[in-house]
Amino acid sequence: MAPSFADHNRIEMPAEEIDRLLREEGVGVLSLADDGVAYGIPLSFGYDADRGRLYFVFLRPGESSKKTDFAERTARASFAVWNAPSRDEWESVVVDGELRRVDDGDWDRVRDVLEDNAWYPTLFSETEPMQDILGWELRIDARSGLQRRGA
């Protein structure tokens, strides 16, 4: 049997490289869906390798939020992370899993994980913890990655 395109070009990422990219990158795109309507959001995230979780925080802008509405209606979400310094060198990871609100008792752990690798705009430092933000976790069920390391 002939090797697949990915095998021939050696672009499938091993598990340790997927973990590395999730630890090193602090932003990506969360994809949500509501009854066949998709919504992608660029977000900062924290990666908890021990628990197989990604954590996100949403600002609570007021009475309603499209982001929160979609998140509450999404049972399974997808999250993409990438780094592409050139055409000949790039890497990307996609994770899928159940999306849930963070339980109140988990906030200390979530904060620690977010501090490890999440990128935050200064806006987040001006919010009151757990009052102006909502926490979400993506429980990773599946993950895959592709990469190319130079020509």
Protein backbone atom coordinates (compact mmCIF):
# COMPACT_ATOMS: atom_id res chain seq x y z
CA MET A 1 0.00 0.00 0.00
CA ALA A 2 1.32 3.43 -0.96
CA PRO A 3 2.02 5.87 1.88
CA SER A 4 -0.56 8.58 2.48
CA PHE A 5 0.19 12.22 1.67
CA ALA A 6 0.68 12.97 5.39
CA ASP A 7 3.04 9.98 5.87
CA HIS A 8 5.02 10.80 2.74
CA ASN A 9 5.45 14.44 3.74
CA ARG A 10 5.84 13.66 7.47
CA ILE A 11 3.34 16.27 8.52
CA GLU A 12 1.34 14.43 11.17
CA MET A 13 2.34 15.69 14.59
CA PRO A 14 3.21 13.24 17.36
CA ALA A 15 1.42 13.63 20.71
CA GLU A 16 4.35 15.40 22.41
CA GLU A 17 4.46 18.03 19.63
CA ILE A 18 0.70 18.60 19.97
CA ASP A 19 1.20 19.15 23.73
CA ARG A 20 4.08 21.54 23.06
CA LEU A 21 2.06 23.71 20.67
CA LEU A 22 -0.91 23.82 23.07
CA ARG A 23 1.44 24.89 25.89
CA GLU A 24 3.34 27.48 23.83
CA GLU A 25 0.50 29.22 22.00
CA GLY A 26 -1.92 31.30 24.01
CA VAL A 27 -4.54 32.10 21.36
CA GLY A 28 -6.65 30.20 18.86
CA VAL A 29 -10.16 29.99 17.42
CA LEU A 30 -13.07 28.36 19.25
CA SER A 31 -15.75 27.05 16.88
CA LEU A 32 -19.29 26.80 18.21
CA ALA A 33 -22.56 25.75 16.56
CA ASP A 34 -26.24 26.38 17.17
CA ASP A 35 -28.70 24.36 15.10
CA GLY A 36 -26.50 24.28 12.00
CA VAL A 37 -25.19 27.85 12.35
CA ALA A 38 -21.44 28.09 13.02
CA TYR A 39 -19.66 30.81 14.99
CA GLY A 40 -15.86 31.07 15.30
CA ILE A 41 -14.26 33.23 17.99
CA PRO A 42 -10.57 34.12 18.43
CA LEU A 43 -9.79 33.51 22.10
CA SER A 44 -7.03 33.29 24.62
CA PHE A 45 -6.81 29.88 26.30
CA GLY A 46 -5.05 27.87 28.96
CA TYR A 47 -4.05 24.23 28.47
CA ASP A 48 -4.25 21.71 31.32
CA ALA A 49 -2.44 18.64 29.96
CA ASP A 50 -2.97 16.65 33.17
CA ARG A 51 -6.77 16.89 32.92
CA GLY A 52 -7.06 17.07 29.13
CA ARG A 53 -8.78 20.46 29.21
CA LEU A 54 -8.64 23.84 27.52
CA TYR A 55 -9.94 26.80 29.54
CA PHE A 56 -11.39 30.06 28.23
CA VAL A 57 -12.88 33.17 29.78
CA PHE A 58 -15.56 35.37 28.22
CA LEU A 59 -16.15 38.93 29.32
CA ARG A 60 -19.69 39.39 30.56
CA PRO A 61 -20.62 42.43 28.46
CA GLY A 62 -24.19 42.86 29.66
CA GLU A 63 -27.56 41.15 29.57
CA SER A 64 -26.82 39.05 26.47
CA SER A 65 -23.82 37.93 24.48
CA LYS A 66 -23.72 36.11 21.14
CA LYS A 67 -20.62 34.26 22.32
CA THR A 68 -22.27 33.06 25.52
CA ASP A 69 -25.53 32.21 23.75
CA PHE A 70 -23.67 30.02 21.23
CA ALA A 71 -21.49 28.42 23.93
CA GLU A 72 -24.56 27.48 25.98
CA ARG A 73 -26.13 25.79 22.93
CA THR A 74 -22.97 23.96 21.82
CA ALA A 75 -22.58 20.43 23.18
CA ARG A 76 -19.33 19.72 21.32
CA ALA A 77 -16.88 22.39 20.25
CA SER A 78 -13.70 22.51 18.21
CA PHE A 79 -10.61 24.65 18.86
CA ALA A 80 -7.78 25.41 16.41
CA VAL A 81 -4.28 26.65 17.29
CA TRP A 82 -1.47 27.35 14.84
CA ASN A 83 1.95 28.86 14.34
CA ALA A 84 3.08 29.75 10.82
CA PRO A 85 6.38 31.64 10.67
CA SER A 86 6.74 30.93 6.90
CA ARG A 87 5.26 29.01 3.95
CA ASP A 88 7.75 26.23 4.54
CA GLU A 89 7.45 26.05 8.30
CA TRP A 90 4.08 25.78 10.03
CA GLU A 91 2.12 23.74 12.53
CA SER A 92 -1.51 23.48 13.57
CA VAL A 93 -3.57 21.55 16.09
CA VAL A 94 -7.32 20.97 16.27
CA VAL A 95 -9.00 19.62 19.41
CA ASP A 96 -12.63 18.56 19.82
CA GLY A 97 -14.70 17.87 22.88
CA GLU A 98 -17.52 18.71 25.22
CA LEU A 99 -17.88 22.39 26.15
CA ARG A 100 -19.03 23.19 29.70
CA ARG A 101 -19.11 26.11 32.07
CA VAL A 102 -16.40 26.11 34.72
CA ASP A 103 -17.68 25.10 38.16
CA ASP A 104 -17.20 27.69 40.90
CA GLY A 105 -14.92 25.32 42.83
CA ASP A 106 -12.50 25.02 39.87
CA TRP A 107 -11.60 28.72 39.53
CA ASP A 108 -8.27 28.49 41.39
CA ARG A 109 -7.07 25.74 39.05
CA VAL A 110 -8.43 27.55 35.99
CA ARG A 111 -6.62 30.77 36.97
CA ASP A 112 -3.34 28.86 37.42
CA VAL A 113 -3.67 27.16 34.04
CA LEU A 114 -4.58 30.42 32.28
CA GLU A 115 -1.60 32.18 33.86
CA ASP A 116 0.72 29.49 32.46
CA ASN A 117 0.09 30.17 28.78
CA ALA A 118 -2.97 32.28 28.01
CA TRP A 119 -2.51 35.61 26.27
CA TYR A 120 -4.66 38.36 27.74
CA PRO A 121 -5.45 41.82 26.54
CA THR A 122 -5.15 44.43 29.31
CA LEU A 123 -8.94 44.54 29.40
CA PHE A 124 -9.01 41.30 31.44
CA SER A 125 -6.78 42.74 34.17
CA GLU A 126 -9.44 45.41 34.75
CA THR A 127 -12.26 42.94 35.46
CA GLU A 128 -13.38 41.63 38.82
CA PRO A 129 -12.67 37.85 39.04
CA MET A 130 -15.77 35.67 38.65
CA GLN A 131 -18.03 38.75 38.45
CA ASP A 132 -17.21 40.19 35.05
CA ILE A 133 -16.07 36.99 33.33
CA LEU A 134 -17.50 33.55 32.58
CA GLY A 135 -15.25 30.50 32.53
CA TRP A 136 -15.57 27.65 30.03
CA GLU A 137 -13.75 24.37 29.64
CA LEU A 138 -13.37 22.17 26.60
CA ARG A 139 -12.91 18.56 27.67
CA ILE A 140 -10.65 17.16 24.97
CA ASP A 141 -11.91 13.93 23.39
CA ALA A 142 -9.90 14.04 20.18
CA ARG A 143 -6.93 16.00 18.91
CA SER A 144 -4.81 16.04 15.80
CA GLY A 145 -1.96 18.08 14.47
CA LEU A 146 -0.09 18.75 11.24
CA GLN A 147 3.30 20.35 10.76
CA ARG A 148 5.98 21.11 8.24
CA ARG A 149 9.55 21.88 9.27
CA GLY A 150 11.29 23.71 6.44
CA ALA A 151 11.76 22.84 2.79
